Structures are given as structure tokens and as C-alpha cells.
Amino acid sequence: MKRILFICSQNRLRSPTAEQVFAEYAGIETASAGTNHDAEEPLTPELLQWADLIFVMEKAHRNKLSQRFKAHIGGKRIVCLNIPDDYTFMDPELVRLLKAKVSRFLA
């Protein structure tokens, strides 16, 4: 079972959408979190340690990871999807973008 963590700022739109979309894939367990302190599900060291692969929506999220959680990342792969905060939860265009950008890392 591959454990995938999706990260955005507030954990309200992009990362929960990704979590839900990829939760249906066989052999994958998903979670999501936000880098902001007031996120719906704030990022924790435990979530980072749980994950096998980490996807961030923007470079700013990767930077926050490096600054605040460097000791908990270890050698884990962090993939930046470059998806701006322009979408609503489960927006069909966001789902299409996520599938196009994430699926190749799950093979």
C-alpha cells in the first residue's frame, strides 16, 4: 500500500479534492493537510512520517515544508504540482489537472 499525502495552504479545496480523487485508486492510501496554522487539517510531523510520497500544490508549500518540517521529511520525494488556488472543491478542471499530473507518479 502506497501512502500519498497532498498538501495545500488551507486544506479546504485542492488537497482535499486530490485526497478524494486518488482514494479510489487500488493500492493507494491518501491523506491531505494544509501548511497554514488555521488549516482544516494542519500539517503535522506524524503525517509527513506516515507518507511515502508527498505532493504540494505550489512551490510556496514546498518552501514551508523545508523551513518548518525539515527534520521530518527525511529523504522523501516531494513533487510540486504547480496548481494555483483557482479552483473550488471537486472542480472538474481541478480533477482533470490532478489526474494528469499525479497519475504518472503512481505507476
PDB file of N, CA and C in Angstrom:
ATOM      1  N   MET A   1       0.840  -1.185   0.000  1.00  0.00           N
ATOM      2  CA  MET A   1       0.000   0.000   0.000  1.00  0.00           C
ATOM      3  C   MET A   1       0.881   1.243   0.000  1.00  0.00           C
ATOM      4  N   LYS A   2       0.692   2.093  -0.984  1.00  0.00           N
ATOM      5  CA  LYS A   2       1.454   3.337  -1.086  1.00  0.00           C
ATOM      6  C   LYS A   2       0.660   4.456  -0.406  1.00  0.00           C
ATOM      7  N   ARG A   3       1.315   5.190   0.494  1.00  0.00           N
ATOM      8  CA  ARG A   3       0.652   6.269   1.233  1.00  0.00           C
ATOM      9  C   ARG A   3       1.027   7.625   0.634  1.00  0.00           C
ATOM     10  N   ILE A   4      -0.005   8.337   0.178  1.00  0.00           N
ATOM     11  CA  ILE A   4       0.181   9.604  -0.534  1.00  0.00           C
ATOM     12  C   ILE A   4      -0.405  10.741   0.291  1.00  0.00           C
ATOM     13  N   LEU A   5       0.388  11.793   0.473  1.00  0.00           N
ATOM     14  CA  LEU A   5      -0.055  12.985   1.200  1.00  0.00           C
ATOM     15  C   LEU A   5      -0.116  14.164   0.241  1.00  0.00           C
ATOM     16  N   PHE A   6      -1.260  14.850   0.216  1.00  0.00           N
ATOM     17  CA  PHE A   6      -1.462  16.043  -0.606  1.00  0.00           C
ATOM     18  C   PHE A   6      -1.507  17.258   0.310  1.00  0.00           C
ATOM     19  N   ILE A   7      -0.767  18.301  -0.086  1.00  0.00           N
ATOM     20  CA  ILE A   7      -0.652  19.483   0.763  1.00  0.00           C
ATOM     21  C   ILE A   7      -0.974  20.749  -0.033  1.00  0.00           C
ATOM     22  N   CYS A   8      -1.807  21.601   0.578  1.00  0.00           N
ATOM     23  CA  CYS A   8      -2.023  22.960   0.069  1.00  0.00           C
ATOM     24  C   CYS A   8      -1.973  23.901   1.281  1.00  0.00           C
ATOM     25  N   SER A   9      -2.547  25.077   1.188  1.00  0.00           N
ATOM     26  CA  SER A   9      -2.454  26.044   2.290  1.00  0.00           C
ATOM     27  C   SER A   9      -3.495  25.800   3.377  1.00  0.00           C
ATOM     28  N   GLN A  10      -4.759  25.777   2.988  1.00  0.00           N
ATOM     29  CA  GLN A  10      -5.860  25.714   3.953  1.00  0.00           C
ATOM     30  C   GLN A  10      -6.477  24.326   4.094  1.00  0.00           C
ATOM     31  N   ASN A  11      -6.141  23.411   3.192  1.00  0.00           N
ATOM     32  CA  ASN A  11      -6.737  22.077   3.190  1.00  0.00           C
ATOM     33  C   ASN A  11      -8.256  22.158   3.083  1.00  0.00           C
ATOM     34  N   ARG A  12      -8.715  23.056   2.197  1.00  0.00           N
ATOM     35  CA  ARG A  12     -10.166  23.215   2.008  1.00  0.00           C
ATOM     36  C   ARG A  12     -10.599  22.870   0.585  1.00  0.00           C
ATOM     37  N   LEU A  13      -9.716  23.076  -0.411  1.00  0.00           N
ATOM     38  CA  LEU A  13     -10.136  22.903  -1.800  1.00  0.00           C
ATOM     39  C   LEU A  13      -9.255  21.928  -2.572  1.00  0.00           C
ATOM     40  N   ARG A  14      -8.012  22.302  -2.823  1.00  0.00           N
ATOM     41  CA  ARG A  14      -7.149  21.495  -3.692  1.00  0.00           C
ATOM     42  C   ARG A  14      -6.733  20.164  -3.082  1.00  0.00           C
ATOM     43  N   SER A  15      -6.113  20.196  -1.912  1.00  0.00           N
ATOM     44  CA  SER A  15      -5.623  18.925  -1.354  1.00  0.00           C
ATOM     45  C   SER A  15      -6.755  17.978  -0.944  1.00  0.00           C
ATOM     46  N   PRO A  16      -7.896  18.454  -0.392  1.00  0.00           N
ATOM     47  CA  PRO A  16      -8.982  17.500  -0.132  1.00  0.00           C
ATOM     48  C   PRO A  16      -9.569  16.908  -1.418  1.00  0.00           C
ATOM     49  N   THR A  17      -9.579  17.706  -2.492  1.00  0.00           N
ATOM     50  CA  THR A  17     -10.037  17.172  -3.777  1.00  0.00           C
ATOM     51  C   THR A  17      -9.110  16.042  -4.215  1.00  0.00           C
ATOM     52  N   ALA A  18      -7.801  16.293  -4.149  1.00  0.00           N
ATOM     53  CA  ALA A  18      -6.829  15.262  -4.537  1.00  0.00           C
ATOM     54  C   ALA A  18      -6.966  14.024  -3.659  1.00  0.00           C
ATOM     55  N   GLU A  19      -7.125  14.225  -2.373  1.00  0.00           N
ATOM     56  CA  GLU A  19      -7.287  13.089  -1.453  1.00  0.00           C
ATOM     57  C   GLU A  19      -8.482  12.237  -1.864  1.00  0.00           C
ATOM     58  N   GLN A  20      -9.583  12.872  -2.169  1.00  0.00           N
ATOM     59  CA  GLN A  20     -10.799  12.138  -2.533  1.00  0.00           C
ATOM     60  C   GLN A  20     -10.653  11.445  -3.890  1.00  0.00           C
ATOM     61  N   VAL A  21     -10.081  12.135  -4.865  1.00  0.00           N
ATOM     62  CA  VAL A  21      -9.928  11.568  -6.216  1.00  0.00           C
ATOM     63  C   VAL A  21      -9.063  10.308  -6.173  1.00  0.00           C
ATOM     64  N   PHE A  22      -7.926  10.371  -5.497  1.00  0.00           N
ATOM     65  CA  PHE A  22      -6.981   9.254  -5.535  1.00  0.00           C
ATOM     66  C   PHE A  22      -7.259   8.182  -4.481  1.00  0.00           C
ATOM     67  N   ALA A  23      -8.170   8.453  -3.559  1.00  0.00           N
ATOM     68  CA  ALA A  23      -8.558   7.443  -2.569  1.00  0.00           C
ATOM     69  C   ALA A  23      -9.210   6.244  -3.244  1.00  0.00           C
ATOM     70  N   GLU A  24      -9.744   6.457  -4.442  1.00  0.00           N
ATOM     71  CA  GLU A  24     -10.420   5.385  -5.169  1.00  0.00           C
ATOM     72  C   GLU A  24      -9.446   4.471  -5.916  1.00  0.00           C
ATOM     73  N   TYR A  25      -8.184   4.853  -5.992  1.00  0.00           N
ATOM     74  CA  TYR A  25      -7.198   4.064  -6.722  1.00  0.00           C
ATOM     75  C   TYR A  25      -6.768   2.859  -5.894  1.00  0.00           C
ATOM     76  N   ALA A  26      -6.633   1.719  -6.548  1.00  0.00           N
ATOM     77  CA  ALA A  26      -6.214   0.493  -5.861  1.00  0.00           C
ATOM     78  C   ALA A  26      -4.769   0.613  -5.378  1.00  0.00           C
ATOM     79  N   GLY A  27      -4.517   0.135  -4.183  1.00  0.00           N
ATOM     80  CA  GLY A  27      -3.164   0.099  -3.644  1.00  0.00           C
ATOM     81  C   GLY A  27      -2.657   1.427  -3.125  1.00  0.00           C
ATOM     82  N   ILE A  28      -3.567   2.393  -2.983  1.00  0.00           N
ATOM     83  CA  ILE A  28      -3.153   3.726  -2.536  1.00  0.00           C
ATOM     84  C   ILE A  28      -4.001   4.140  -1.339  1.00  0.00           C
ATOM     85  N   GLU A  29      -3.325   4.688  -0.357  1.00  0.00           N
ATOM     86  CA  GLU A  29      -3.986   5.277   0.802  1.00  0.00           C
ATOM     87  C   GLU A  29      -3.667   6.769   0.748  1.00  0.00           C
ATOM     88  N   THR A  30      -4.663   7.630   0.951  1.00  0.00           N
ATOM     89  CA  THR A  30      -4.448   9.066   0.801  1.00  0.00           C
ATOM     90  C   THR A  30      -4.779   9.832   2.072  1.00  0.00           C
ATOM     91  N   ALA A  31      -4.138  10.997   2.193  1.00  0.00           N
ATOM     92  CA  ALA A  31      -4.434  11.955   3.258  1.00  0.00           C
ATOM     93  C   ALA A  31      -4.127  13.337   2.693  1.00  0.00           C
ATOM     94  N   SER A  32      -4.633  14.365   3.371  1.00  0.00           N
ATOM     95  CA  SER A  32      -4.327  15.728   2.953  1.00  0.00           C
ATOM     96  C   SER A  32      -4.198  16.623   4.172  1.00  0.00           C
ATOM     97  N   ALA A  33      -3.498  17.731   3.974  1.00  0.00           N
ATOM     98  CA  ALA A  33      -3.269  18.670   5.068  1.00  0.00           C
ATOM     99  C   ALA A  33      -2.934  20.036   4.486  1.00  0.00           C
ATOM    100  N   GLY A  34      -2.946  21.038   5.367  1.00  0.00           N
ATOM    101  CA  GLY A  34      -2.607  22.396   4.955  1.00  0.00           C
ATOM    102  C   GLY A  34      -1.415  22.928   5.722  1.00  0.00           C
ATOM    103  N   THR A  35      -0.654  23.797   5.092  1.00  0.00           N
ATOM    104  CA  THR A  35       0.532  24.363   5.725  1.00  0.00           C
ATOM    105  C   THR A  35       0.204  25.497   6.687  1.00  0.00           C
ATOM    106  N   ASN A  36      -0.962  26.115   6.541  1.00  0.00           N
ATOM    107  CA  ASN A  36      -1.338  27.219   7.427  1.00  0.00           C
ATOM    108  C   ASN A  36      -1.800  26.689   8.783  1.00  0.00           C
ATOM    109  N   HIS A  37      -1.550  27.482   9.820  1.00  0.00           N
ATOM    110  CA  HIS A  37      -1.916  27.066  11.179  1.00  0.00           C
ATOM    111  C   HIS A  37      -3.422  26.902  11.346  1.00  0.00           C
ATOM    112  N   ASP A  38      -4.203  27.653  10.557  1.00  0.00           N
ATOM    113  CA  ASP A  38      -5.669  27.577  10.667  1.00  0.00           C
ATOM    114  C   ASP A  38      -6.282  26.682   9.595  1.00  0.00           C
ATOM    115  N   ALA A  39      -5.485  25.794   9.027  1.00  0.00           N
ATOM    116  CA  ALA A  39      -5.980  24.862   8.004  1.00  0.00           C
ATOM    117  C   ALA A  39      -7.016  23.921   8.618  1.00  0.00           C
ATOM    118  N   GLU A  40      -7.889  23.388   7.760  1.00  0.00           N
ATOM    119  CA  GLU A  40      -8.892  22.418   8.224  1.00  0.00           C
ATOM    120  C   GLU A  40      -8.200  21.235   8.909  1.00  0.00           C
ATOM    121  N   GLU A  41      -7.159  20.722   8.283  1.00  0.00           N
ATOM    122  CA  GLU A  41      -6.324  19.644   8.847  1.00  0.00           C
ATOM    123  C   GLU A  41      -4.884  20.149   8.762  1.00  0.00           C
ATOM    124  N   PRO A  42      -4.356  20.741   9.835  1.00  0.00           N
ATOM    125  CA  PRO A  42      -2.989  21.271   9.784  1.00  0.00           C
ATOM    126  C   PRO A  42      -1.952  20.152   9.606  1.00  0.00           C
ATOM    127  N   LEU A  43      -0.921  20.469   8.861  1.00  0.00           N
ATOM    128  CA  LEU A  43       0.165  19.525   8.625  1.00  0.00           C
ATOM    129  C   LEU A  43       0.893  19.230   9.933  1.00  0.00           C
ATOM    130  N   THR A  44       1.202  17.951  10.148  1.00  0.00           N
ATOM    131  CA  THR A  44       1.911  17.535  11.362  1.00  0.00           C
ATOM    132  C   THR A  44       3.119  16.679  10.988  1.00  0.00           C
ATOM    133  N   PRO A  45       4.090  16.594  11.888  1.00  0.00           N
ATOM    134  CA  PRO A  45       5.223  15.697  11.647  1.00  0.00           C
ATOM    135  C   PRO A  45       4.763  14.247  11.449  1.00  0.00           C
ATOM    136  N   GLU A  46       3.718  13.836  12.153  1.00  0.00           N
ATOM    137  CA  GLU A  46       3.217  12.470  12.045  1.00  0.00           C
ATOM    138  C   GLU A  46       2.696  12.171  10.638  1.00  0.00           C
ATOM    139  N   LEU A  47       1.986  13.136  10.039  1.00  0.00           N
ATOM    140  CA  LEU A  47       1.501  12.940   8.669  1.00  0.00           C
ATOM    141  C   LEU A  47       2.663  12.812   7.693  1.00  0.00           C
ATOM    142  N   LEU A  48       3.684  13.629   7.874  1.00  0.00           N
ATOM    143  CA  LEU A  48       4.847  13.560   6.989  1.00  0.00           C
ATOM    144  C   LEU A  48       5.562  12.222   7.130  1.00  0.00           C
ATOM    145  N   GLN A  49       5.680  11.729   8.343  1.00  0.00           N
ATOM    146  CA  GLN A  49       6.328  10.442   8.569  1.00  0.00           C
ATOM    147  C   GLN A  49       5.495   9.298   8.005  1.00  0.00           C
ATOM    148  N   TRP A  50       4.176   9.434   8.046  1.00  0.00           N
ATOM    149  CA  TRP A  50       3.261   8.421   7.511  1.00  0.00           C
ATOM    150  C   TRP A  50       3.398   8.272   5.999  1.00  0.00           C
ATOM    151  N   ALA A  51       3.609   9.396   5.303  1.00  0.00           N
ATOM    152  CA  ALA A  51       3.564   9.423   3.838  1.00  0.00           C
ATOM    153  C   ALA A  51       4.787   8.777   3.189  1.00  0.00           C
ATOM    154  N   ASP A  52       4.517   8.076   2.072  1.00  0.00           N
ATOM    155  CA  ASP A  52       5.589   7.555   1.228  1.00  0.00           C
ATOM    156  C   ASP A  52       5.955   8.568   0.147  1.00  0.00           C
ATOM    157  N   LEU A  53       4.966   9.339  -0.294  1.00  0.00           N
ATOM    158  CA  LEU A  53       5.133  10.311  -1.369  1.00  0.00           C
ATOM    159  C   LEU A  53       4.296  11.534  -1.022  1.00  0.00           C
ATOM    160  N   ILE A  54       4.873  12.717  -1.219  1.00  0.00           N
ATOM    161  CA  ILE A  54       4.210  13.968  -0.841  1.00  0.00           C
ATOM    162  C   ILE A  54       4.034  14.840  -2.071  1.00  0.00           C
ATOM    163  N   PHE A  55       2.809  15.306  -2.281  1.00  0.00           N
ATOM    164  CA  PHE A  55       2.507  16.247  -3.362  1.00  0.00           C
ATOM    165  C   PHE A  55       2.121  17.585  -2.749  1.00  0.00           C
ATOM    166  N   VAL A  56       2.773  18.651  -3.223  1.00  0.00           N
ATOM    167  CA  VAL A  56       2.390  20.005  -2.828  1.00  0.00           C
ATOM    168  C   VAL A  56       1.795  20.702  -4.046  1.00  0.00           C
ATOM    169  N   MET A  57       0.890  21.626  -3.808  1.00  0.00           N
ATOM    170  CA  MET A  57       0.216  22.301  -4.912  1.00  0.00           C
ATOM    171  C   MET A  57       1.059  23.430  -5.507  1.00  0.00           C
ATOM    172  N   GLU A  58       1.887  24.091  -4.675  1.00  0.00           N
ATOM    173  CA  GLU A  58       2.689  25.222  -5.134  1.00  0.00           C
ATOM    174  C   GLU A  58       4.089  25.172  -4.514  1.00  0.00           C
ATOM    175  N   LYS A  59       5.021  25.897  -5.139  1.00  0.00           N
ATOM    176  CA  LYS A  59       6.396  25.962  -4.619  1.00  0.00           C
ATOM    177  C   LYS A  59       6.420  26.520  -3.200  1.00  0.00           C
ATOM    178  N   ALA A  60       5.514  27.446  -2.886  1.00  0.00           N
ATOM    179  CA  ALA A  60       5.465  28.032  -1.536  1.00  0.00           C
ATOM    180  C   ALA A  60       5.224  26.954  -0.481  1.00  0.00           C
ATOM    181  N   HIS A  61       4.450  25.935  -0.836  1.00  0.00           N
ATOM    182  CA  HIS A  61       4.193  24.849   0.114  1.00  0.00           C
ATOM    183  C   HIS A  61       5.460  24.027   0.344  1.00  0.00           C
ATOM    184  N   ARG A  62       6.207  23.797  -0.721  1.00  0.00           N
ATOM    185  CA  ARG A  62       7.479  23.065  -0.576  1.00  0.00           C
ATOM    186  C   ARG A  62       8.442  23.867   0.300  1.00  0.00           C
ATOM    187  N   ASN A  63       8.471  25.177   0.100  1.00  0.00           N
ATOM    188  CA  ASN A  63       9.343  26.030   0.910  1.00  0.00           C
ATOM    189  C   ASN A  63       8.963  25.973   2.384  1.00  0.00           C
ATOM    190  N   LYS A  64       7.661  26.016   2.680  1.00  0.00           N
ATOM    191  CA  LYS A  64       7.216  25.927   4.074  1.00  0.00           C
ATOM    192  C   LYS A  64       7.591  24.577   4.676  1.00  0.00           C
ATOM    193  N   LEU A  65       7.474  23.516   3.883  1.00  0.00           N
ATOM    194  CA  LEU A  65       7.882  22.192   4.362  1.00  0.00           C
ATOM    195  C   LEU A  65       9.353  22.190   4.749  1.00  0.00           C
ATOM    196  N   SER A  66      10.174  22.750   3.869  1.00  0.00           N
ATOM    197  CA  SER A  66      11.619  22.769   4.118  1.00  0.00           C
ATOM    198  C   SER A  66      11.960  23.603   5.352  1.00  0.00           C
ATOM    199  N   GLN A  67      11.237  24.686   5.562  1.00  0.00           N
ATOM    200  CA  GLN A  67      11.531  25.559   6.699  1.00  0.00           C
ATOM    201  C   GLN A  67      11.019  24.992   8.019  1.00  0.00           C
ATOM    202  N   ARG A  68       9.776  24.515   8.024  1.00  0.00           N
ATOM    203  CA  ARG A  68       9.143  24.141   9.290  1.00  0.00           C
ATOM    204  C   ARG A  68       9.247  22.657   9.636  1.00  0.00           C
ATOM    205  N   PHE A  69       9.457  21.814   8.642  1.00  0.00           N
ATOM    206  CA  PHE A  69       9.397  20.366   8.897  1.00  0.00           C
ATOM    207  C   PHE A  69      10.604  19.611   8.354  1.00  0.00           C
ATOM    208  N   LYS A  70      11.711  20.282   8.151  1.00  0.00           N
ATOM    209  CA  LYS A  70      12.889  19.662   7.528  1.00  0.00           C
ATOM    210  C   LYS A  70      13.286  18.354   8.210  1.00  0.00           C
ATOM    211  N   ALA A  71      13.250  18.328   9.518  1.00  0.00           N
ATOM    212  CA  ALA A  71      13.675  17.140  10.266  1.00  0.00           C
ATOM    213  C   ALA A  71      12.730  15.954  10.055  1.00  0.00           C
ATOM    214  N   HIS A  72      11.507  16.210   9.597  1.00  0.00           N
ATOM    215  CA  HIS A  72      10.510  15.154   9.468  1.00  0.00           C
ATOM    216  C   HIS A  72      10.325  14.669   8.035  1.00  0.00           C
ATOM    217  N   ILE A  73      10.961  15.333   7.097  1.00  0.00           N
ATOM    218  CA  ILE A  73      10.810  14.962   5.692  1.00  0.00           C
ATOM    219  C   ILE A  73      11.707  13.783   5.339  1.00  0.00           C
ATOM    220  N   GLY A  74      12.900  13.777   5.921  1.00  0.00           N
ATOM    221  CA  GLY A  74      13.847  12.711   5.596  1.00  0.00           C
ATOM    222  C   GLY A  74      14.195  12.770   4.122  1.00  0.00           C
ATOM    223  N   GLY A  75      14.299  11.643   3.482  1.00  0.00           N
ATOM    224  CA  GLY A  75      14.624  11.607   2.060  1.00  0.00           C
ATOM    225  C   GLY A  75      13.401  11.423   1.182  1.00  0.00           C
ATOM    226  N   LYS A  76      12.242  11.785   1.698  1.00  0.00           N
ATOM    227  CA  LYS A  76      11.005  11.553   0.942  1.00  0.00           C
ATOM    228  C   LYS A  76      10.904  12.438  -0.281  1.00  0.00           C
ATOM    229  N   ARG A  77      10.292  11.883  -1.290  1.00  0.00           N
ATOM    230  CA  ARG A  77      10.094  12.629  -2.531  1.00  0.00           C
ATOM    231  C   ARG A  77       8.942  13.616  -2.356  1.00  0.00           C
ATOM    232  N   ILE A  78       9.206  14.872  -2.731  1.00  0.00           N
ATOM    233  CA  ILE A  78       8.186  15.915  -2.702  1.00  0.00           C
ATOM    234  C   ILE A  78       8.010  16.414  -4.124  1.00  0.00           C
ATOM    235  N   VAL A  79       6.805  16.288  -4.633  1.00  0.00           N
ATOM    236  CA  VAL A  79       6.504  16.685  -6.009  1.00  0.00           C
ATOM    237  C   VAL A  79       5.621  17.928  -5.979  1.00  0.00           C
ATOM    238  N   CYS A  80       6.073  18.977  -6.672  1.00  0.00           N
ATOM    239  CA  CYS A  80       5.283  20.200  -6.791  1.00  0.00           C
ATOM    240  C   CYS A  80       4.419  20.105  -8.054  1.00  0.00           C
ATOM    241  N   LEU A  81       3.106  20.241  -7.875  1.00  0.00           N
ATOM    242  CA  LEU A  81       2.170  20.102  -8.992  1.00  0.00           C
ATOM    243  C   LEU A  81       1.915  21.414  -9.736  1.00  0.00           C
ATOM    244  N   ASN A  82       2.319  22.539  -9.156  1.00  0.00           N
ATOM    245  CA  ASN A  82       2.103  23.859  -9.773  1.00  0.00           C
ATOM    246  C   ASN A  82       0.634  24.078 -10.141  1.00  0.00           C
ATOM    247  N   ILE A  83      -0.234  23.855  -9.168  1.00  0.00           N
ATOM    248  CA  ILE A  83      -1.668  24.084  -9.359  1.00  0.00           C
ATOM    249  C   ILE A  83      -2.064  25.271  -8.483  1.00  0.00           C
ATOM    250  N   PRO A  84      -2.432  26.393  -9.102  1.00  0.00           N
ATOM    251  CA  PRO A  84      -2.779  27.595  -8.332  1.00  0.00           C
ATOM    252  C   PRO A  84      -4.102  27.433  -7.583  1.00  0.00           C
ATOM    253  N   ASP A  85      -4.330  28.333  -6.647  1.00  0.00           N
ATOM    254  CA  ASP A  85      -5.533  28.302  -5.808  1.00  0.00           C
ATOM    255  C   ASP A  85      -6.694  28.977  -6.544  1.00  0.00           C
ATOM    256  N   ASP A  86      -7.071  28.416  -7.683  1.00  0.00           N
ATOM    257  CA  ASP A  86      -8.107  28.999  -8.546  1.00  0.00           C
ATOM    258  C   ASP A  86      -9.327  28.099  -8.709  1.00  0.00           C
ATOM    259  N   TYR A  87      -9.458  27.076  -7.876  1.00  0.00           N
ATOM    260  CA  TYR A  87     -10.490  26.068  -8.096  1.00  0.00           C
ATOM    261  C   TYR A  87     -11.329  25.853  -6.849  1.00  0.00           C
ATOM    262  N   THR A  88     -12.551  25.382  -7.069  1.00  0.00           N
ATOM    263  CA  THR A  88     -13.410  25.002  -5.959  1.00  0.00           C
ATOM    264  C   THR A  88     -13.211  23.512  -5.688  1.00  0.00           C
ATOM    265  N   PHE A  89     -13.768  23.046  -4.567  1.00  0.00           N
ATOM    266  CA  PHE A  89     -13.669  21.637  -4.205  1.00  0.00           C
ATOM    267  C   PHE A  89     -14.329  20.780  -5.282  1.00  0.00           C
ATOM    268  N   MET A  90     -13.613  19.785  -5.752  1.00  0.00           N
ATOM    269  CA  MET A  90     -14.061  18.833  -6.784  1.00  0.00           C
ATOM    270  C   MET A  90     -14.399  19.500  -8.124  1.00  0.00           C
ATOM    271  N   ASP A  91     -13.834  20.653  -8.383  1.00  0.00           N
ATOM    272  CA  ASP A  91     -13.983  21.335  -9.680  1.00  0.00           C
ATOM    273  C   ASP A  91     -13.521  20.361 -10.769  1.00  0.00           C
ATOM    274  N   PRO A  92     -14.331  20.131 -11.802  1.00  0.00           N
ATOM    275  CA  PRO A  92     -13.938  19.167 -12.845  1.00  0.00           C
ATOM    276  C   PRO A  92     -12.586  19.481 -13.489  1.00  0.00           C
ATOM    277  N   GLU A  93     -12.261  20.737 -13.663  1.00  0.00           N
ATOM    278  CA  GLU A  93     -10.960  21.106 -14.240  1.00  0.00           C
ATOM    279  C   GLU A  93      -9.827  20.772 -13.269  1.00  0.00           C
ATOM    280  N   LEU A  94     -10.040  20.985 -11.974  1.00  0.00           N
ATOM    281  CA  LEU A  94      -9.047  20.627 -10.967  1.00  0.00           C
ATOM    282  C   LEU A  94      -8.841  19.106 -10.952  1.00  0.00           C
ATOM    283  N   VAL A  95      -9.918  18.350 -11.019  1.00  0.00           N
ATOM    284  CA  VAL A  95      -9.819  16.883 -11.040  1.00  0.00           C
ATOM    285  C   VAL A  95      -9.032  16.432 -12.268  1.00  0.00           C
ATOM    286  N   ARG A  96      -9.318  17.028 -13.429  1.00  0.00           N
ATOM    287  CA  ARG A  96      -8.594  16.691 -14.658  1.00  0.00           C
ATOM    288  C   ARG A  96      -7.100  16.984 -14.510  1.00  0.00           C
ATOM    289  N   LEU A  97      -6.779  18.170 -13.982  1.00  0.00           N
ATOM    290  CA  LEU A  97      -5.374  18.558 -13.780  1.00  0.00           C
ATOM    291  C   LEU A  97      -4.671  17.596 -12.825  1.00  0.00           C
ATOM    292  N   LEU A  98      -5.316  17.285 -11.729  1.00  0.00           N
ATOM    293  CA  LEU A  98      -4.720  16.376 -10.749  1.00  0.00           C
ATOM    294  C   LEU A  98      -4.430  15.015 -11.366  1.00  0.00           C
ATOM    295  N   LYS A  99      -5.402  14.466 -12.072  1.00  0.00           N
ATOM    296  CA  LYS A  99      -5.199  13.155 -12.701  1.00  0.00           C
ATOM    297  C   LYS A  99      -4.060  13.204 -13.716  1.00  0.00           C
ATOM    298  N   ALA A 100      -3.988  14.283 -14.480  1.00  0.00           N
ATOM    299  CA  ALA A 100      -2.932  14.414 -15.491  1.00  0.00           C
ATOM    300  C   ALA A 100      -1.554  14.524 -14.854  1.00  0.00           C
ATOM    301  N   LYS A 101      -1.461  15.236 -13.732  1.00  0.00           N
ATOM    302  CA  LYS A 101      -0.146  15.488 -13.138  1.00  0.00           C
ATOM    303  C   LYS A 101       0.297  14.434 -12.134  1.00  0.00           C
ATOM    304  N   VAL A 102      -0.633  13.776 -11.453  1.00  0.00           N
ATOM    305  CA  VAL A 102      -0.281  12.849 -10.381  1.00  0.00           C
ATOM    306  C   VAL A 102      -0.158  11.404 -10.853  1.00  0.00           C
ATOM    307  N   SER A 103      -1.009  11.008 -11.771  1.00  0.00           N
ATOM    308  CA  SER A 103      -1.101   9.585 -12.148  1.00  0.00           C
ATOM    309  C   SER A 103       0.230   8.959 -12.542  1.00  0.00           C
ATOM    310  N   ARG A 104       1.091   9.697 -13.228  1.00  0.00           N
ATOM    311  CA  ARG A 104       2.373   9.114 -13.658  1.00  0.00           C
ATOM    312  C   ARG A 104       3.291   8.757 -12.494  1.00  0.00           C
ATOM    313  N   PHE A 105       3.076   9.377 -11.324  1.00  0.00           N
ATOM    314  CA  PHE A 105       3.897   9.073 -10.150  1.00  0.00           C
ATOM    315  C   PHE A 105       3.383   7.864  -9.382  1.00  0.00           C
ATOM    316  N   LEU A 106       2.195   7.387  -9.749  1.00  0.00           N
ATOM    317  CA  LEU A 106       1.576   6.304  -9.002  1.00  0.00           C
ATOM    318  C   LEU A 106       1.760   4.936  -9.651  1.00  0.00           C
ATOM    319  N   ALA A 107       2.353   4.918 -10.819  1.00  0.00           N
ATOM    320  CA  ALA A 107       2.532   3.645 -11.547  1.00  0.00           C
ATOM    321  C   ALA A 107       3.515   2.737 -10.839  1.00  0.00           C
TER     322      ALA A 107
END
